């Protein structure tokens, strides 16, 4: 089971990533763009994810993945239950969400470093 400490470790090792506490919620962002956010009770993680693939992800494992809150439906966003995630999967989710908000060149460079 993944924890907030695992999220923090995965996010803060990425260039330009910053942690912020906004309205009692831990959020990670690059500049002003949030790419990962935890629920107040830290049981749900929301993350940047392509809107066109969202329904397929939620349908693939509804016990793990959730659609975004109603107010977030217009964004490229999805949610997951923290208890259902293993640490390697969580790290991949955080990395993929981060790749959506940074320049493609930086994302490609980090991908090369990860594959070594």
N, C-alpha and C. Protein backbone atom coordinates (compact mmCIF):
# COMPACT_ATOMS: atom_id res chain seq x y z
N UNK A 1 0.84 -1.18 0.00
CA UNK A 1 0.00 0.00 0.00
C UNK A 1 0.88 1.24 0.00
N UNK A 2 0.56 2.17 -0.85
CA UNK A 2 1.32 3.41 -0.96
C UNK A 2 0.86 4.41 0.10
N UNK A 3 1.76 5.31 0.47
CA UNK A 3 1.45 6.33 1.48
C UNK A 3 1.80 7.71 0.95
N UNK A 4 1.42 8.72 1.73
CA UNK A 4 1.75 10.10 1.36
C UNK A 4 3.27 10.29 1.30
N UNK A 5 4.00 9.56 2.11
CA UNK A 5 5.46 9.65 2.08
C UNK A 5 6.02 9.15 0.75
N UNK A 6 5.39 8.12 0.20
CA UNK A 6 5.81 7.59 -1.11
C UNK A 6 5.51 8.61 -2.21
N UNK A 7 4.35 9.26 -2.11
CA UNK A 7 4.00 10.30 -3.09
C UNK A 7 5.03 11.42 -3.03
N UNK A 8 5.31 11.89 -1.83
CA UNK A 8 6.26 12.98 -1.64
C UNK A 8 7.63 12.61 -2.21
N UNK A 9 8.10 11.42 -1.90
CA UNK A 9 9.41 10.98 -2.39
C UNK A 9 9.45 10.93 -3.91
N UNK A 10 8.40 10.41 -4.52
CA UNK A 10 8.34 10.30 -5.98
C UNK A 10 8.27 11.68 -6.63
N UNK A 11 7.48 12.57 -6.06
CA UNK A 11 7.27 13.89 -6.67
C UNK A 11 8.48 14.80 -6.50
N UNK A 12 9.05 14.81 -5.32
CA UNK A 12 10.11 15.78 -5.06
C UNK A 12 11.45 15.42 -5.68
N UNK A 13 11.57 14.21 -6.21
CA UNK A 13 12.81 13.87 -6.93
C UNK A 13 12.77 14.36 -8.38
N UNK A 14 11.62 14.86 -8.81
CA UNK A 14 11.45 15.33 -10.18
C UNK A 14 11.79 16.81 -10.29
N UNK A 15 12.50 17.20 -11.35
CA UNK A 15 12.86 18.61 -11.53
C UNK A 15 11.63 19.52 -11.58
N UNK A 16 11.78 20.70 -11.01
CA UNK A 16 10.76 21.75 -11.00
C UNK A 16 9.55 21.45 -10.14
N UNK A 17 9.49 20.28 -9.52
CA UNK A 17 8.34 19.90 -8.72
C UNK A 17 8.41 20.53 -7.34
N UNK A 18 7.27 21.04 -6.87
CA UNK A 18 7.18 21.68 -5.56
C UNK A 18 5.96 21.15 -4.82
N UNK A 19 6.09 21.06 -3.51
CA UNK A 19 4.97 20.66 -2.66
C UNK A 19 4.32 21.90 -2.07
N UNK A 20 2.99 21.92 -2.03
CA UNK A 20 2.25 23.04 -1.45
C UNK A 20 1.08 22.49 -0.64
N UNK A 21 0.74 23.19 0.42
CA UNK A 21 -0.44 22.88 1.20
C UNK A 21 -1.49 23.93 0.84
N UNK A 22 -2.54 23.50 0.16
CA UNK A 22 -3.57 24.40 -0.32
C UNK A 22 -4.92 23.92 0.20
N UNK A 23 -5.56 24.76 1.00
CA UNK A 23 -6.86 24.41 1.61
C UNK A 23 -6.79 23.05 2.31
N UNK A 24 -5.76 22.86 3.09
CA UNK A 24 -5.54 21.64 3.88
C UNK A 24 -5.33 20.40 3.03
N UNK A 25 -4.93 20.57 1.78
CA UNK A 25 -4.65 19.43 0.90
C UNK A 25 -3.21 19.54 0.39
N UNK A 26 -2.50 18.43 0.40
CA UNK A 26 -1.14 18.39 -0.13
C UNK A 26 -1.24 18.30 -1.65
N UNK A 27 -0.55 19.22 -2.31
CA UNK A 27 -0.55 19.23 -3.78
C UNK A 27 0.88 19.38 -4.27
N UNK A 28 1.14 18.78 -5.41
CA UNK A 28 2.44 18.91 -6.05
C UNK A 28 2.21 19.57 -7.39
N UNK A 29 3.07 20.53 -7.69
CA UNK A 29 2.89 21.26 -8.93
C UNK A 29 4.22 21.67 -9.53
N UNK A 30 4.14 22.02 -10.80
CA UNK A 30 5.25 22.60 -11.54
C UNK A 30 4.78 23.99 -11.92
N UNK A 31 5.45 25.00 -11.40
CA UNK A 31 4.95 26.36 -11.61
C UNK A 31 3.60 26.49 -10.92
N UNK A 32 2.59 26.86 -11.67
CA UNK A 32 1.25 27.00 -11.10
C UNK A 32 0.34 25.83 -11.47
N UNK A 33 0.88 24.84 -12.17
CA UNK A 33 0.06 23.71 -12.64
C UNK A 33 0.17 22.53 -11.67
N UNK A 34 -0.94 22.16 -11.07
CA UNK A 34 -1.00 21.02 -10.16
C UNK A 34 -1.05 19.74 -10.99
N UNK A 35 -0.20 18.77 -10.62
CA UNK A 35 -0.25 17.49 -11.33
C UNK A 35 -0.58 16.32 -10.42
N UNK A 36 -0.49 16.50 -9.10
CA UNK A 36 -0.89 15.48 -8.13
C UNK A 36 -1.47 16.20 -6.92
N UNK A 37 -2.58 15.67 -6.40
CA UNK A 37 -3.19 16.22 -5.19
C UNK A 37 -3.74 15.08 -4.34
N UNK A 38 -3.61 15.23 -3.05
CA UNK A 38 -4.14 14.23 -2.12
C UNK A 38 -5.40 14.78 -1.45
N UNK A 39 -6.34 13.88 -1.16
CA UNK A 39 -7.53 14.29 -0.42
C UNK A 39 -7.12 14.71 0.99
N UNK A 40 -7.99 15.41 1.67
CA UNK A 40 -7.66 15.89 3.02
C UNK A 40 -7.30 14.74 3.95
N UNK A 41 -7.97 13.60 3.81
CA UNK A 41 -7.68 12.45 4.66
C UNK A 41 -6.59 11.54 4.07
N UNK A 42 -6.04 11.95 2.94
CA UNK A 42 -4.92 11.26 2.27
C UNK A 42 -5.25 9.83 1.84
N UNK A 43 -6.52 9.55 1.58
CA UNK A 43 -6.92 8.21 1.11
C UNK A 43 -7.11 8.17 -0.40
N UNK A 44 -7.25 9.34 -1.03
CA UNK A 44 -7.46 9.44 -2.48
C UNK A 44 -6.37 10.33 -3.07
N UNK A 45 -5.83 9.89 -4.19
CA UNK A 45 -4.86 10.71 -4.92
C UNK A 45 -5.49 11.08 -6.26
N UNK A 46 -5.44 12.36 -6.57
CA UNK A 46 -5.87 12.83 -7.88
C UNK A 46 -4.63 13.16 -8.68
N UNK A 47 -4.67 12.92 -9.98
CA UNK A 47 -3.47 13.15 -10.78
C UNK A 47 -3.83 13.48 -12.22
N UNK A 48 -2.91 14.21 -12.86
CA UNK A 48 -3.07 14.56 -14.26
C UNK A 48 -3.09 13.28 -15.09
N UNK A 49 -4.06 13.22 -15.99
CA UNK A 49 -4.23 12.03 -16.83
C UNK A 49 -5.03 12.46 -18.06
N UNK A 50 -4.68 11.95 -19.24
CA UNK A 50 -5.40 12.37 -20.46
C UNK A 50 -6.90 12.12 -20.36
N UNK A 51 -7.66 13.16 -20.61
CA UNK A 51 -9.12 13.09 -20.51
C UNK A 51 -9.70 12.03 -21.44
N UNK A 52 -9.12 11.89 -22.63
CA UNK A 52 -9.66 10.93 -23.61
C UNK A 52 -9.46 9.48 -23.17
N UNK A 53 -8.53 9.23 -22.26
CA UNK A 53 -8.26 7.87 -21.77
C UNK A 53 -8.88 7.60 -20.40
N UNK A 54 -9.48 8.61 -19.81
CA UNK A 54 -9.97 8.53 -18.43
C UNK A 54 -11.01 7.43 -18.24
N UNK A 55 -12.03 7.38 -19.09
CA UNK A 55 -13.09 6.38 -18.93
C UNK A 55 -12.54 4.96 -19.02
N UNK A 56 -11.60 4.74 -19.92
CA UNK A 56 -11.01 3.40 -20.07
C UNK A 56 -10.22 3.01 -18.82
N UNK A 57 -9.50 3.96 -18.23
CA UNK A 57 -8.74 3.66 -17.02
C UNK A 57 -9.68 3.30 -15.87
N UNK A 58 -10.70 4.11 -15.67
CA UNK A 58 -11.66 3.84 -14.58
C UNK A 58 -12.35 2.50 -14.81
N UNK A 59 -12.74 2.21 -16.04
CA UNK A 59 -13.41 0.94 -16.35
C UNK A 59 -12.48 -0.26 -16.17
N UNK A 60 -11.18 -0.05 -16.38
CA UNK A 60 -10.23 -1.17 -16.27
C UNK A 60 -10.10 -1.70 -14.85
N UNK A 61 -10.30 -0.85 -13.85
CA UNK A 61 -10.21 -1.28 -12.46
C UNK A 61 -10.98 -0.30 -11.57
N UNK A 62 -12.31 -0.41 -11.54
CA UNK A 62 -13.12 0.54 -10.78
C UNK A 62 -12.89 0.47 -9.26
N UNK A 63 -12.31 -0.60 -8.77
CA UNK A 63 -12.00 -0.69 -7.35
C UNK A 63 -10.78 0.17 -7.00
N UNK A 64 -9.98 0.48 -8.01
CA UNK A 64 -8.76 1.27 -7.80
C UNK A 64 -8.91 2.70 -8.29
N UNK A 65 -9.46 2.88 -9.49
CA UNK A 65 -9.52 4.21 -10.11
C UNK A 65 -10.93 4.79 -10.05
N UNK A 66 -10.99 6.10 -9.89
CA UNK A 66 -12.26 6.82 -9.77
C UNK A 66 -12.27 7.98 -10.76
N UNK A 67 -13.45 8.33 -11.25
CA UNK A 67 -13.52 9.55 -12.07
C UNK A 67 -13.23 10.76 -11.18
N UNK A 68 -12.90 11.88 -11.78
CA UNK A 68 -12.65 13.07 -10.96
C UNK A 68 -13.93 13.58 -10.32
N UNK A 69 -13.76 14.41 -9.30
CA UNK A 69 -14.91 15.09 -8.70
C UNK A 69 -15.60 15.91 -9.79
N UNK A 70 -16.86 16.19 -9.61
CA UNK A 70 -17.64 16.92 -10.61
C UNK A 70 -16.96 18.23 -11.05
N UNK A 71 -16.40 18.97 -10.10
CA UNK A 71 -15.77 20.25 -10.43
C UNK A 71 -14.49 20.08 -11.24
N UNK A 72 -13.91 18.89 -11.23
CA UNK A 72 -12.66 18.63 -11.95
C UNK A 72 -12.84 17.91 -13.27
N UNK A 73 -14.08 17.60 -13.66
CA UNK A 73 -14.32 16.84 -14.88
C UNK A 73 -13.80 17.53 -16.14
N UNK A 74 -13.75 18.84 -16.14
CA UNK A 74 -13.30 19.55 -17.34
C UNK A 74 -11.78 19.47 -17.51
N UNK A 75 -11.08 19.07 -16.46
CA UNK A 75 -9.62 18.98 -16.51
C UNK A 75 -9.16 17.58 -16.89
N UNK A 76 -7.91 17.48 -17.27
CA UNK A 76 -7.29 16.17 -17.53
C UNK A 76 -6.89 15.60 -16.18
N UNK A 77 -7.83 14.90 -15.54
CA UNK A 77 -7.66 14.51 -14.15
C UNK A 77 -8.39 13.22 -13.89
N UNK A 78 -7.86 12.40 -13.00
CA UNK A 78 -8.51 11.17 -12.55
C UNK A 78 -8.06 10.94 -11.12
N UNK A 79 -8.69 10.01 -10.43
CA UNK A 79 -8.36 9.73 -9.04
C UNK A 79 -8.13 8.24 -8.84
N UNK A 80 -7.43 7.93 -7.73
CA UNK A 80 -7.22 6.53 -7.36
C UNK A 80 -7.26 6.40 -5.84
N UNK A 81 -7.61 5.22 -5.39
CA UNK A 81 -7.59 4.93 -3.95
C UNK A 81 -6.16 4.58 -3.56
N UNK A 82 -5.63 5.31 -2.59
CA UNK A 82 -4.24 5.08 -2.16
C UNK A 82 -4.04 3.65 -1.66
N UNK A 83 -5.01 3.09 -0.96
CA UNK A 83 -4.88 1.75 -0.40
C UNK A 83 -4.76 0.68 -1.48
N UNK A 84 -5.22 0.97 -2.68
CA UNK A 84 -5.18 0.00 -3.78
C UNK A 84 -3.90 0.08 -4.60
N UNK A 85 -3.05 1.06 -4.31
CA UNK A 85 -1.84 1.25 -5.10
C UNK A 85 -0.60 0.69 -4.40
N UNK A 86 0.20 0.00 -5.17
CA UNK A 86 1.51 -0.42 -4.68
C UNK A 86 2.50 0.70 -5.02
N UNK A 87 3.60 0.74 -4.31
CA UNK A 87 4.56 1.84 -4.48
C UNK A 87 5.09 1.96 -5.91
N UNK A 88 5.50 0.88 -6.58
CA UNK A 88 5.98 1.06 -7.96
C UNK A 88 4.92 1.66 -8.90
N UNK A 89 3.67 1.25 -8.74
CA UNK A 89 2.60 1.80 -9.57
C UNK A 89 2.38 3.28 -9.24
N UNK A 90 2.43 3.62 -7.96
CA UNK A 90 2.29 5.01 -7.55
C UNK A 90 3.39 5.88 -8.15
N UNK A 91 4.62 5.40 -8.10
CA UNK A 91 5.74 6.15 -8.67
C UNK A 91 5.53 6.39 -10.16
N UNK A 92 5.01 5.41 -10.86
CA UNK A 92 4.74 5.55 -12.29
C UNK A 92 3.62 6.57 -12.54
N UNK A 93 2.59 6.53 -11.71
CA UNK A 93 1.49 7.49 -11.83
C UNK A 93 2.01 8.91 -11.64
N UNK A 94 2.81 9.12 -10.60
CA UNK A 94 3.35 10.45 -10.32
C UNK A 94 4.24 10.92 -11.48
N UNK A 95 5.09 10.04 -11.97
CA UNK A 95 5.97 10.41 -13.08
C UNK A 95 5.17 10.75 -14.34
N UNK A 96 4.20 9.92 -14.68
CA UNK A 96 3.40 10.19 -15.89
C UNK A 96 2.61 11.49 -15.76
N UNK A 97 2.08 11.77 -14.57
CA UNK A 97 1.35 13.01 -14.35
C UNK A 97 2.29 14.21 -14.49
N UNK A 98 3.48 14.09 -13.95
CA UNK A 98 4.49 15.16 -14.04
C UNK A 98 4.85 15.40 -15.51
N UNK A 99 4.99 14.34 -16.28
CA UNK A 99 5.33 14.47 -17.71
C UNK A 99 4.28 15.28 -18.47
N UNK A 100 3.05 15.29 -18.00
CA UNK A 100 1.99 16.04 -18.68
C UNK A 100 2.13 17.55 -18.49
N UNK A 101 2.89 17.99 -17.49
CA UNK A 101 2.92 19.42 -17.17
C UNK A 101 4.29 20.07 -17.39
N UNK A 102 5.27 19.29 -17.79
CA UNK A 102 6.60 19.86 -18.05
C UNK A 102 6.87 19.85 -19.56
N UNK A 103 7.85 20.62 -20.00
CA UNK A 103 8.21 20.59 -21.42
C UNK A 103 8.58 19.18 -21.87
N UNK A 104 8.21 18.84 -23.08
CA UNK A 104 8.46 17.49 -23.61
C UNK A 104 9.93 17.11 -23.55
N UNK A 105 10.81 18.07 -23.79
CA UNK A 105 12.25 17.81 -23.76
C UNK A 105 12.69 17.35 -22.36
N UNK A 106 12.19 18.02 -21.32
CA UNK A 106 12.53 17.66 -19.94
C UNK A 106 11.96 16.29 -19.59
N UNK A 107 10.73 16.02 -20.00
CA UNK A 107 10.12 14.72 -19.74
C UNK A 107 10.92 13.60 -20.42
N UNK A 108 11.35 13.82 -21.66
CA UNK A 108 12.13 12.81 -22.39
C UNK A 108 13.48 12.58 -21.72
N UNK A 109 14.10 13.65 -21.25
CA UNK A 109 15.39 13.54 -20.57
C UNK A 109 15.26 12.71 -19.29
N UNK A 110 14.21 12.97 -18.51
CA UNK A 110 13.99 12.20 -17.28
C UNK A 110 13.65 10.74 -17.59
N UNK A 111 12.92 10.51 -18.66
CA UNK A 111 12.60 9.13 -19.07
C UNK A 111 13.88 8.37 -19.39
N UNK A 112 14.80 9.02 -20.09
CA UNK A 112 16.09 8.38 -20.40
C UNK A 112 16.85 8.05 -19.11
N UNK A 113 16.86 8.97 -18.17
CA UNK A 113 17.56 8.74 -16.90
C UNK A 113 16.93 7.60 -16.11
N UNK A 114 15.62 7.50 -16.15
CA UNK A 114 14.92 6.42 -15.41
C UNK A 114 15.19 5.05 -16.02
N UNK A 115 15.39 5.01 -17.33
CA UNK A 115 15.57 3.71 -17.99
C UNK A 115 16.99 3.16 -17.87
N UNK A 116 17.87 3.93 -17.30
CA UNK A 116 19.26 3.44 -17.13
C UNK A 116 19.36 2.42 -16.05
